[in-house]
Amino acid sequence: MEIEDGAFEGAGSVSELHLSANQLDSVRSGMFKGLEGLRMLMLRNNKIRCIHNNSFTGLHNVRLLSLYDNQLTTISPGAFDTLQTLSTLNLLANSFNCDCRLAWLGDWLRSRKIVTGNPRCQRPAFLKEIPLQDVVLPDFRCEE
């Protein structure tokens, strides 16, 4: 399923949006344009593989973001920077590949006071089931 850009124009007073189990496979820039008042965004149980650094632009009031049970393997640096009031970020039940491209997220999770539920690495094998924020920087490595 795909949500058209501008689908939420004029919906600035919506405070909760539940898009769980909708077969979404991506979160694009501009997808949530018009939802300035949004405080809770539920994207559970979809097929989202990657979050880009402009995916949540304009969602300054979101306090809770759930990406639980997707197919996330990586998240681009700065992906959550526009979520200035974020206090809960659910990243559990994803297939994170904890390589050099995800090192920033481990550091970001350690430096924020955000409830996460301790998302875990699934790859590489030596990091399987280790909470992302517990992986030391040298272990976030990419094969040459």
N, C-alpha and C. Protein backbone atom coordinates (compact mmCIF):
# COMPACT_ATOMS: atom_id res chain seq x y z
N MET A 1 0.84 -1.18 0.00
CA MET A 1 0.00 0.00 0.00
C MET A 1 0.88 1.24 0.00
N GLU A 2 0.39 2.29 -0.61
CA GLU A 2 1.12 3.54 -0.65
C GLU A 2 0.18 4.69 -0.29
N ILE A 3 0.69 5.63 0.49
CA ILE A 3 -0.08 6.82 0.85
C ILE A 3 0.43 7.97 -0.02
N GLU A 4 -0.48 8.62 -0.71
CA GLU A 4 -0.11 9.71 -1.61
C GLU A 4 0.40 10.91 -0.81
N ASP A 5 1.41 11.59 -1.34
CA ASP A 5 1.87 12.83 -0.73
C ASP A 5 0.70 13.80 -0.69
N GLY A 6 0.53 14.49 0.44
CA GLY A 6 -0.55 15.46 0.58
C GLY A 6 -1.87 14.85 1.02
N ALA A 7 -1.89 13.55 1.27
CA ALA A 7 -3.13 12.87 1.67
C ALA A 7 -3.69 13.44 2.97
N PHE A 8 -2.82 14.02 3.80
CA PHE A 8 -3.26 14.52 5.11
C PHE A 8 -3.33 16.05 5.17
N GLU A 9 -3.23 16.72 4.03
CA GLU A 9 -3.32 18.18 4.00
C GLU A 9 -4.63 18.61 4.66
N GLY A 10 -4.56 19.60 5.54
CA GLY A 10 -5.75 20.11 6.21
C GLY A 10 -6.15 19.31 7.43
N ALA A 11 -5.32 18.35 7.83
CA ALA A 11 -5.64 17.50 8.99
C ALA A 11 -4.78 17.88 10.19
N GLY A 12 -4.46 19.15 10.31
CA GLY A 12 -3.57 19.63 11.36
C GLY A 12 -4.05 19.39 12.78
N SER A 13 -5.34 19.16 12.98
CA SER A 13 -5.85 18.94 14.34
C SER A 13 -5.86 17.46 14.73
N VAL A 14 -5.51 16.57 13.82
CA VAL A 14 -5.44 15.14 14.15
C VAL A 14 -4.29 14.92 15.12
N SER A 15 -4.57 14.26 16.26
CA SER A 15 -3.51 14.05 17.25
C SER A 15 -2.97 12.63 17.25
N GLU A 16 -3.75 11.67 16.76
CA GLU A 16 -3.30 10.27 16.69
C GLU A 16 -3.57 9.72 15.30
N LEU A 17 -2.59 8.99 14.77
CA LEU A 17 -2.76 8.35 13.47
C LEU A 17 -2.30 6.91 13.59
N HIS A 18 -3.23 5.99 13.35
CA HIS A 18 -2.95 4.56 13.44
C HIS A 18 -2.93 3.98 12.02
N LEU A 19 -1.75 3.64 11.56
CA LEU A 19 -1.59 3.04 10.23
C LEU A 19 -0.99 1.65 10.35
N SER A 20 -1.33 0.95 11.41
CA SER A 20 -0.79 -0.38 11.65
C SER A 20 -1.41 -1.39 10.70
N ALA A 21 -0.60 -2.39 10.33
CA ALA A 21 -1.05 -3.50 9.48
C ALA A 21 -1.67 -3.03 8.17
N ASN A 22 -0.99 -2.10 7.52
CA ASN A 22 -1.47 -1.58 6.23
C ASN A 22 -0.56 -1.92 5.07
N GLN A 23 0.38 -2.82 5.27
CA GLN A 23 1.29 -3.24 4.20
C GLN A 23 2.17 -2.10 3.67
N LEU A 24 2.37 -1.05 4.47
CA LEU A 24 3.25 0.05 4.04
C LEU A 24 4.67 -0.49 3.92
N ASP A 25 5.36 -0.12 2.83
CA ASP A 25 6.73 -0.60 2.69
C ASP A 25 7.77 0.52 2.76
N SER A 26 7.31 1.77 2.84
CA SER A 26 8.25 2.88 2.96
C SER A 26 7.58 4.07 3.65
N VAL A 27 8.43 4.95 4.17
CA VAL A 27 7.98 6.21 4.75
C VAL A 27 8.74 7.29 3.98
N ARG A 28 8.03 8.01 3.13
CA ARG A 28 8.66 9.00 2.27
C ARG A 28 8.56 10.41 2.85
N SER A 29 9.47 11.25 2.44
CA SER A 29 9.42 12.67 2.80
C SER A 29 8.12 13.26 2.27
N GLY A 30 7.43 14.03 3.09
CA GLY A 30 6.18 14.66 2.67
C GLY A 30 4.95 13.80 2.86
N MET A 31 5.15 12.55 3.22
CA MET A 31 4.03 11.62 3.38
C MET A 31 3.05 12.09 4.47
N PHE A 32 3.58 12.72 5.52
CA PHE A 32 2.74 13.14 6.64
C PHE A 32 2.52 14.65 6.67
N LYS A 33 2.75 15.30 5.54
CA LYS A 33 2.56 16.75 5.45
C LYS A 33 1.12 17.11 5.79
N GLY A 34 0.97 18.11 6.65
CA GLY A 34 -0.36 18.55 7.05
C GLY A 34 -0.77 18.06 8.43
N LEU A 35 0.07 17.23 9.04
CA LEU A 35 -0.26 16.66 10.36
C LEU A 35 0.53 17.34 11.48
N GLU A 36 0.55 18.67 11.46
CA GLU A 36 1.36 19.43 12.42
C GLU A 36 1.00 19.16 13.88
N GLY A 37 -0.25 18.81 14.16
CA GLY A 37 -0.69 18.58 15.53
C GLY A 37 -0.54 17.14 16.00
N LEU A 38 0.00 16.28 15.16
CA LEU A 38 0.11 14.86 15.49
C LEU A 38 1.01 14.63 16.70
N ARG A 39 0.51 13.83 17.66
CA ARG A 39 1.28 13.51 18.86
C ARG A 39 1.63 12.02 18.93
N MET A 40 0.85 11.18 18.24
CA MET A 40 1.10 9.74 18.25
C MET A 40 1.00 9.20 16.83
N LEU A 41 2.05 8.49 16.39
CA LEU A 41 2.06 7.89 15.06
C LEU A 41 2.37 6.40 15.20
N MET A 42 1.38 5.58 14.87
CA MET A 42 1.51 4.13 14.99
C MET A 42 1.69 3.52 13.61
N LEU A 43 2.88 2.98 13.37
CA LEU A 43 3.20 2.34 12.09
C LEU A 43 3.57 0.87 12.31
N ARG A 44 2.94 0.26 13.30
CA ARG A 44 3.23 -1.13 13.67
C ARG A 44 2.82 -2.10 12.57
N ASN A 45 3.53 -3.23 12.55
CA ASN A 45 3.12 -4.37 11.73
C ASN A 45 2.90 -4.00 10.26
N ASN A 46 3.90 -3.33 9.69
CA ASN A 46 3.90 -3.03 8.26
C ASN A 46 5.11 -3.73 7.64
N LYS A 47 5.53 -3.28 6.49
CA LYS A 47 6.68 -3.90 5.80
C LYS A 47 7.78 -2.89 5.53
N ILE A 48 7.89 -1.90 6.41
CA ILE A 48 8.86 -0.82 6.23
C ILE A 48 10.27 -1.38 6.43
N ARG A 49 11.15 -1.13 5.45
CA ARG A 49 12.51 -1.68 5.48
C ARG A 49 13.56 -0.65 5.92
N CYS A 50 13.32 0.61 5.60
CA CYS A 50 14.32 1.65 5.88
C CYS A 50 13.61 2.96 6.22
N ILE A 51 14.20 3.71 7.12
CA ILE A 51 13.71 5.05 7.45
C ILE A 51 14.78 6.03 6.98
N HIS A 52 14.37 7.01 6.17
CA HIS A 52 15.31 7.99 5.63
C HIS A 52 15.36 9.23 6.53
N ASN A 53 16.36 10.07 6.33
CA ASN A 53 16.56 11.19 7.25
C ASN A 53 15.54 12.31 7.11
N ASN A 54 14.64 12.23 6.15
CA ASN A 54 13.60 13.26 6.03
C ASN A 54 12.20 12.65 6.11
N SER A 55 12.10 11.44 6.60
CA SER A 55 10.82 10.72 6.64
C SER A 55 9.77 11.39 7.52
N PHE A 56 10.21 12.03 8.60
CA PHE A 56 9.25 12.58 9.57
C PHE A 56 9.28 14.10 9.63
N THR A 57 9.73 14.73 8.57
CA THR A 57 9.79 16.19 8.50
C THR A 57 8.41 16.80 8.76
N GLY A 58 8.37 17.80 9.63
CA GLY A 58 7.13 18.51 9.93
C GLY A 58 6.35 17.96 11.11
N LEU A 59 6.78 16.83 11.65
CA LEU A 59 6.05 16.22 12.78
C LEU A 59 6.70 16.63 14.11
N HIS A 60 6.70 17.92 14.38
CA HIS A 60 7.40 18.46 15.55
C HIS A 60 6.76 18.10 16.88
N ASN A 61 5.51 17.69 16.89
CA ASN A 61 4.80 17.43 18.14
C ASN A 61 4.64 15.96 18.48
N VAL A 62 5.17 15.08 17.66
CA VAL A 62 5.03 13.64 17.92
C VAL A 62 5.81 13.25 19.17
N ARG A 63 5.09 12.65 20.12
CA ARG A 63 5.71 12.18 21.35
C ARG A 63 5.93 10.67 21.32
N LEU A 64 5.05 9.96 20.61
CA LEU A 64 5.16 8.50 20.52
C LEU A 64 5.18 8.08 19.06
N LEU A 65 6.22 7.34 18.69
CA LEU A 65 6.34 6.77 17.34
C LEU A 65 6.58 5.28 17.49
N SER A 66 5.69 4.48 16.91
CA SER A 66 5.86 3.03 16.96
C SER A 66 6.15 2.49 15.57
N LEU A 67 7.32 1.88 15.45
CA LEU A 67 7.73 1.18 14.23
C LEU A 67 7.90 -0.30 14.55
N TYR A 68 7.20 -0.74 15.59
CA TYR A 68 7.25 -2.13 16.05
C TYR A 68 6.84 -3.09 14.94
N ASP A 69 7.56 -4.20 14.83
CA ASP A 69 7.20 -5.30 13.93
C ASP A 69 7.10 -4.87 12.47
N ASN A 70 8.18 -4.29 11.98
CA ASN A 70 8.31 -4.00 10.56
C ASN A 70 9.46 -4.86 10.04
N GLN A 71 10.05 -4.47 8.94
CA GLN A 71 11.19 -5.20 8.40
C GLN A 71 12.41 -4.30 8.33
N LEU A 72 12.51 -3.39 9.32
CA LEU A 72 13.62 -2.45 9.35
C LEU A 72 14.95 -3.17 9.51
N THR A 73 15.89 -2.84 8.64
CA THR A 73 17.25 -3.33 8.79
C THR A 73 18.19 -2.17 9.08
N THR A 74 17.84 -0.97 8.59
CA THR A 74 18.68 0.19 8.82
C THR A 74 17.83 1.47 8.90
N ILE A 75 18.41 2.48 9.51
CA ILE A 75 17.76 3.78 9.65
C ILE A 75 18.82 4.83 9.33
N SER A 76 18.51 5.75 8.45
CA SER A 76 19.48 6.77 8.04
C SER A 76 19.79 7.73 9.18
N PRO A 77 21.05 8.19 9.27
CA PRO A 77 21.42 9.17 10.30
C PRO A 77 20.52 10.40 10.22
N GLY A 78 20.08 10.87 11.38
CA GLY A 78 19.24 12.06 11.44
C GLY A 78 17.76 11.80 11.20
N ALA A 79 17.37 10.54 11.07
CA ALA A 79 15.98 10.20 10.75
C ALA A 79 14.98 10.74 11.76
N PHE A 80 15.39 10.87 13.01
CA PHE A 80 14.46 11.30 14.06
C PHE A 80 14.73 12.73 14.53
N ASP A 81 15.63 13.44 13.87
CA ASP A 81 16.03 14.78 14.31
C ASP A 81 14.88 15.79 14.34
N THR A 82 13.90 15.65 13.46
CA THR A 82 12.80 16.62 13.44
C THR A 82 11.74 16.31 14.49
N LEU A 83 11.84 15.16 15.12
CA LEU A 83 10.86 14.76 16.16
C LEU A 83 11.33 15.31 17.51
N GLN A 84 11.19 16.61 17.68
CA GLN A 84 11.77 17.31 18.81
C GLN A 84 11.16 16.96 20.16
N THR A 85 9.92 16.50 20.19
CA THR A 85 9.28 16.19 21.47
C THR A 85 9.15 14.68 21.71
N LEU A 86 9.83 13.88 20.90
CA LEU A 86 9.74 12.43 20.99
C LEU A 86 10.16 11.92 22.37
N SER A 87 9.30 11.13 23.00
CA SER A 87 9.64 10.55 24.30
C SER A 87 9.57 9.02 24.29
N THR A 88 8.84 8.44 23.32
CA THR A 88 8.75 6.99 23.20
C THR A 88 8.92 6.60 21.73
N LEU A 89 9.88 5.71 21.49
CA LEU A 89 10.19 5.23 20.14
C LEU A 89 10.27 3.71 20.20
N ASN A 90 9.28 3.04 19.65
CA ASN A 90 9.26 1.58 19.68
C ASN A 90 9.84 1.03 18.39
N LEU A 91 11.01 0.41 18.51
CA LEU A 91 11.71 -0.18 17.36
C LEU A 91 11.82 -1.69 17.50
N LEU A 92 11.10 -2.27 18.45
CA LEU A 92 11.21 -3.71 18.70
C LEU A 92 10.69 -4.53 17.52
N ALA A 93 11.10 -5.79 17.47
CA ALA A 93 10.65 -6.77 16.47
C ALA A 93 10.99 -6.34 15.05
N ASN A 94 12.21 -5.86 14.86
CA ASN A 94 12.74 -5.53 13.55
C ASN A 94 14.03 -6.32 13.34
N SER A 95 14.53 -6.34 12.13
CA SER A 95 15.70 -7.16 11.79
C SER A 95 16.93 -6.29 11.58
N PHE A 96 17.33 -5.55 12.60
CA PHE A 96 18.42 -4.60 12.45
C PHE A 96 19.75 -5.27 12.11
N ASN A 97 20.38 -4.72 11.08
CA ASN A 97 21.72 -5.13 10.69
C ASN A 97 22.68 -4.12 11.31
N CYS A 98 23.30 -4.50 12.42
CA CYS A 98 24.12 -3.57 13.20
C CYS A 98 25.53 -3.46 12.63
N ASP A 99 25.61 -2.80 11.47
CA ASP A 99 26.90 -2.57 10.84
C ASP A 99 27.27 -1.09 10.96
N CYS A 100 28.30 -0.66 10.25
CA CYS A 100 28.79 0.72 10.38
C CYS A 100 27.72 1.76 10.07
N ARG A 101 26.73 1.41 9.26
CA ARG A 101 25.68 2.37 8.90
C ARG A 101 24.69 2.62 10.03
N LEU A 102 24.70 1.78 11.05
CA LEU A 102 23.75 1.93 12.16
C LEU A 102 24.45 2.39 13.45
N ALA A 103 25.75 2.60 13.39
CA ALA A 103 26.51 3.03 14.57
C ALA A 103 25.93 4.30 15.18
N TRP A 104 25.50 5.24 14.34
CA TRP A 104 24.95 6.50 14.83
C TRP A 104 23.74 6.27 15.73
N LEU A 105 22.92 5.25 15.40
CA LEU A 105 21.69 5.02 16.15
C LEU A 105 21.99 4.52 17.56
N GLY A 106 22.98 3.65 17.71
CA GLY A 106 23.37 3.20 19.04
C GLY A 106 23.77 4.38 19.91
N ASP A 107 24.57 5.27 19.34
CA ASP A 107 25.01 6.47 20.05
C ASP A 107 23.83 7.39 20.35
N TRP A 108 22.94 7.57 19.39
CA TRP A 108 21.77 8.43 19.55
C TRP A 108 20.87 7.91 20.66
N LEU A 109 20.64 6.59 20.68
CA LEU A 109 19.78 6.00 21.72
C LEU A 109 20.39 6.17 23.11
N ARG A 110 21.71 6.05 23.21
CA ARG A 110 22.38 6.22 24.51
C ARG A 110 22.31 7.66 25.01
N SER A 111 22.28 8.61 24.09
CA SER A 111 22.36 10.02 24.48
C SER A 111 21.00 10.69 24.70
N ARG A 112 19.91 9.97 24.45
CA ARG A 112 18.57 10.54 24.60
C ARG A 112 17.83 9.89 25.75
N LYS A 113 16.94 10.65 26.35
CA LYS A 113 16.08 10.10 27.39
C LYS A 113 14.75 9.71 26.72
N ILE A 114 14.82 8.65 25.95
CA ILE A 114 13.66 8.18 25.20
C ILE A 114 13.42 6.72 25.55
N VAL A 115 12.17 6.37 25.81
CA VAL A 115 11.80 4.99 26.08
C VAL A 115 11.81 4.24 24.75
N THR A 116 12.58 3.14 24.67
CA THR A 116 12.69 2.41 23.41
C THR A 116 12.33 0.93 23.52
N GLY A 117 12.39 0.37 24.71
CA GLY A 117 12.17 -1.07 24.84
C GLY A 117 13.37 -1.90 24.44
N ASN A 118 14.52 -1.25 24.22
CA ASN A 118 15.77 -1.94 23.88
C ASN A 118 15.71 -2.77 22.60
N PRO A 119 15.63 -2.11 21.43
CA PRO A 119 15.66 -2.86 20.17
C PRO A 119 16.97 -3.63 20.05
N ARG A 120 16.91 -4.79 19.40
CA ARG A 120 18.07 -5.69 19.34
C ARG A 120 18.57 -5.90 17.91
N CYS A 121 19.87 -6.13 17.83
CA CYS A 121 20.49 -6.47 16.55
C CYS A 121 20.08 -7.88 16.15
N GLN A 122 19.96 -8.11 14.87
CA GLN A 122 19.73 -9.46 14.35
C GLN A 122 20.92 -9.94 13.53
N ARG A 123 21.67 -9.00 12.98
CA ARG A 123 22.89 -9.30 12.24
C ARG A 123 23.91 -8.26 12.59
N PRO A 124 25.19 -8.57 12.48
CA PRO A 124 25.81 -9.86 12.18
C PRO A 124 25.60 -10.86 13.33
N ALA A 125 25.96 -12.10 13.07
CA ALA A 125 25.69 -13.19 14.01
C ALA A 125 26.26 -12.93 15.41
N PHE A 126 27.46 -12.33 15.49
CA PHE A 126 28.07 -12.13 16.81
C PHE A 126 27.37 -11.06 17.65
N LEU A 127 26.47 -10.30 17.03
CA LEU A 127 25.70 -9.29 17.77
C LEU A 127 24.23 -9.67 17.91
N LYS A 128 23.84 -10.83 17.43
CA LYS A 128 22.43 -11.24 17.45
C LYS A 128 21.86 -11.17 18.86
N GLU A 129 20.71 -10.48 18.98
CA GLU A 129 19.95 -10.29 20.23
C GLU A 129 20.62 -9.34 21.23
N ILE A 130 21.70 -8.68 20.85
CA ILE A 130 22.32 -7.66 21.71
C ILE A 130 21.53 -6.36 21.51
N PRO A 131 21.11 -5.71 22.61
CA PRO A 131 20.42 -4.42 22.46
C PRO A 131 21.31 -3.42 21.72
N LEU A 132 20.72 -2.74 20.77
CA LEU A 132 21.44 -1.79 19.93
C LEU A 132 22.26 -0.79 20.73
N GLN A 133 21.68 -0.27 21.80
CA GLN A 133 22.39 0.75 22.58
C GLN A 133 23.52 0.17 23.44
N ASP A 134 23.62 -1.17 23.50
CA ASP A 134 24.71 -1.81 24.26
C ASP A 134 25.89 -2.21 23.39
N VAL A 135 25.76 -2.06 22.08
CA VAL A 135 26.85 -2.43 21.17
C VAL A 135 27.89 -1.31 21.20
N VAL A 136 29.15 -1.68 21.42
CA VAL A 136 30.23 -0.68 21.45
C VAL A 136 30.57 -0.27 20.02
N LEU A 137 30.99 0.96 19.87
CA LEU A 137 31.23 1.54 18.55
C LEU A 137 32.10 0.68 17.63
N PRO A 138 33.22 0.12 18.10
CA PRO A 138 34.05 -0.69 17.19
C PRO A 138 33.34 -1.93 16.63
N ASP A 139 32.28 -2.39 17.29
CA ASP A 139 31.56 -3.58 16.81
C ASP A 139 30.56 -3.26 15.69
N PHE A 140 30.26 -1.99 15.49
CA PHE A 140 29.41 -1.58 14.36
C PHE A 140 30.34 -1.46 13.14
N ARG A 141 30.64 -2.58 12.51
CA ARG A 141 31.60 -2.52 11.42
C ARG A 141 31.02 -3.07 10.12
N CYS A 142 31.54 -2.53 9.04
CA CYS A 142 31.17 -3.01 7.71
C CYS A 142 32.32 -3.82 7.15
N GLU A 143 31.97 -4.87 6.45
CA GLU A 143 33.01 -5.68 5.81
C GLU A 143 33.58 -4.89 4.65
N GLU A 144 34.86 -4.99 4.49
CA GLU A 144 35.55 -4.27 3.40
C GLU A 144 35.25 -4.91 2.06
